[in-house]
Amino acid sequence: MKTKYIIGIVAVAIFAALAIFSFDSSKIEYASFPEAKDKAKVVQVIGSWDQSEGQDYNSEANTFTFSMIDELGNKARVVSTGSKPNNFDVAPMVVIKGKFEGNEFHASNILTKCPSKYEGEFEELQGTQLYNN
């Protein structure tokens, strides 16, 4: 084989390996609260707001806090910098991205699901294993 073909094959292999590595390192996996606490890295947790515990927005610190129950029934206090998402009060499902700091889950992002679009879907999914183990 000619030298330029060997160099080309090696270059393609290196770029493919780099692409796979950067995709793998940038993905954020789903976890339950106990798994998130054990991993001590950024994860996503699916669940619902525990309305019995209420919610609080501190305008001085610009933090929004609430309790959330993940799909396996584990509860944790969630702290997020910023204001409450617009449809938080009516959203049947919440996805938070962040990690544990002590006993609180510090969310860098809170995503709420539109209640009309996902009506009934959370009840069907609740208790099922959606996490990547």
Protein backbone atom coordinates (compact mmCIF):
# COMPACT_ATOMS: atom_id res chain seq x y z
CA MET A 1 0.00 0.00 0.00
CA LYS A 2 1.12 3.50 -0.67
CA THR A 3 2.17 5.75 2.18
CA LYS A 4 -0.54 8.36 1.49
CA TYR A 5 -3.29 5.70 1.84
CA ILE A 6 -1.86 4.53 5.17
CA ILE A 7 -1.67 8.11 6.45
CA GLY A 8 -5.26 8.71 5.30
CA ILE A 9 -6.56 5.59 7.06
CA VAL A 10 -4.76 6.51 10.28
CA ALA A 11 -6.14 10.08 10.14
CA VAL A 12 -9.70 8.82 9.62
CA ALA A 13 -9.32 6.37 12.52
CA ILE A 14 -8.04 9.14 14.82
CA PHE A 15 -10.91 11.49 13.92
CA ALA A 16 -13.46 8.70 14.42
CA ALA A 17 -12.01 7.89 17.86
CA LEU A 18 -12.08 11.58 18.85
CA ALA A 19 -15.71 11.92 17.69
CA ILE A 20 -16.79 8.87 19.69
CA PHE A 21 -14.92 10.07 22.80
CA SER A 22 -16.38 13.59 22.70
CA PHE A 23 -19.92 12.27 22.16
CA ASP A 24 -19.57 9.83 25.05
CA SER A 25 -18.13 12.42 27.44
CA SER A 26 -20.82 15.02 26.65
CA LYS A 27 -23.86 12.81 27.17
CA ILE A 28 -25.75 13.17 30.42
CA GLU A 29 -27.45 10.05 31.66
CA TYR A 30 -30.71 9.64 33.53
CA ALA A 31 -30.61 8.52 37.16
CA SER A 32 -32.78 8.19 40.23
CA PHE A 33 -31.99 10.33 43.28
CA PRO A 34 -29.97 7.58 45.07
CA GLU A 35 -27.97 6.91 41.88
CA ALA A 36 -27.37 10.64 41.41
CA LYS A 37 -26.07 10.92 44.98
CA ASP A 38 -23.70 7.97 44.47
CA LYS A 39 -22.37 9.18 41.11
CA ALA A 40 -21.60 12.74 42.26
CA LYS A 41 -21.69 13.98 38.66
CA VAL A 42 -24.20 15.83 36.50
CA VAL A 43 -27.24 13.67 35.71
CA GLN A 44 -30.88 14.12 34.70
CA VAL A 45 -33.72 13.04 36.97
CA ILE A 46 -37.34 12.58 35.87
CA GLY A 47 -40.10 13.01 38.39
CA SER A 48 -42.86 15.23 39.69
CA TRP A 49 -43.09 18.15 42.07
CA ASP A 50 -44.20 17.11 45.57
CA GLN A 51 -46.99 19.65 46.06
CA SER A 52 -47.40 18.74 49.74
CA GLU A 53 -43.99 20.31 50.48
CA GLY A 54 -44.65 23.49 48.52
CA GLN A 55 -42.14 25.63 46.67
CA ASP A 56 -40.19 28.77 47.40
CA TYR A 57 -38.58 31.52 45.34
CA ASN A 58 -36.01 33.68 47.14
CA SER A 59 -35.68 36.91 45.17
CA GLU A 60 -32.62 38.09 47.10
CA ALA A 61 -30.61 34.93 46.36
CA ASN A 62 -32.47 34.30 43.05
CA THR A 63 -33.07 30.65 43.98
CA PHE A 64 -36.08 28.44 43.41
CA THR A 65 -36.50 25.44 45.74
CA PHE A 66 -39.00 22.59 45.79
CA SER A 67 -39.24 18.90 46.67
CA MET A 68 -39.39 16.37 43.89
CA ILE A 69 -40.27 12.67 43.79
CA ASP A 70 -38.41 10.68 41.14
CA GLU A 71 -40.09 7.90 39.16
CA LEU A 72 -39.01 5.28 41.68
CA GLY A 73 -40.59 7.15 44.61
CA ASN A 74 -37.42 8.71 46.08
CA LYS A 75 -37.77 12.28 47.32
CA ALA A 76 -35.15 15.05 47.38
CA ARG A 77 -35.01 18.80 47.87
CA VAL A 78 -34.12 20.61 44.63
CA VAL A 79 -32.39 24.00 44.53
CA SER A 80 -32.11 25.94 41.29
CA THR A 81 -30.59 29.31 40.54
CA GLY A 82 -33.11 31.43 38.69
CA SER A 83 -36.84 31.81 38.62
CA LYS A 84 -39.55 29.17 38.52
CA PRO A 85 -40.39 27.80 35.03
CA ASN A 86 -43.62 29.27 33.60
CA ASN A 87 -45.80 26.16 33.67
CA PHE A 88 -44.22 24.52 36.71
CA ASP A 89 -47.44 24.53 38.76
CA VAL A 90 -49.42 22.56 36.16
CA ALA A 91 -46.69 20.34 34.70
CA PRO A 92 -47.28 16.62 35.30
CA MET A 93 -43.62 15.77 34.77
CA VAL A 94 -40.36 17.60 35.54
CA VAL A 95 -36.86 16.82 34.29
CA ILE A 96 -33.99 18.34 36.25
CA LYS A 97 -30.34 18.38 35.29
CA GLY A 98 -27.65 18.83 37.92
CA LYS A 99 -25.94 17.04 40.79
CA PHE A 100 -26.10 16.58 44.54
CA GLU A 101 -24.32 18.97 46.88
CA GLY A 102 -24.75 17.54 50.35
CA ASN A 103 -28.37 16.46 50.75
CA GLU A 104 -29.77 18.86 48.14
CA PHE A 105 -29.92 18.35 44.39
CA HIS A 106 -28.62 21.52 42.71
CA ALA A 107 -30.32 21.81 39.34
CA SER A 108 -28.67 23.77 36.57
CA ASN A 109 -31.73 23.29 34.37
CA ILE A 110 -35.42 22.53 34.98
CA LEU A 111 -37.54 21.30 32.09
CA THR A 112 -41.31 21.02 32.47
CA LYS A 113 -43.57 18.98 30.24
CA CYS A 114 -46.64 20.64 28.76
CA PRO A 115 -49.64 19.19 30.62
CA SER A 116 -51.96 18.95 27.61
CA LYS A 117 -49.38 17.28 25.38
CA TYR A 118 -48.36 14.63 27.92
CA GLU A 119 -51.69 14.16 29.68
CA GLY A 120 -51.85 10.71 31.25
CA GLU A 121 -48.38 9.72 30.06
CA PHE A 122 -46.64 10.29 33.41
CA GLU A 123 -49.06 7.96 35.21
CA GLU A 124 -48.26 5.24 32.65
CA LEU A 125 -44.50 5.76 33.03
CA GLN A 126 -44.45 6.12 36.80
CA GLY A 127 -42.68 3.19 38.42
CA THR A 128 -41.00 2.04 35.23
CA GLN A 129 -37.26 2.02 34.82
CA LEU A 130 -36.28 4.74 32.32
CA TYR A 131 -32.77 5.14 33.58
CA ASN A 132 -29.60 4.05 31.80
CA ASN A 133 -27.85 1.68 34.18
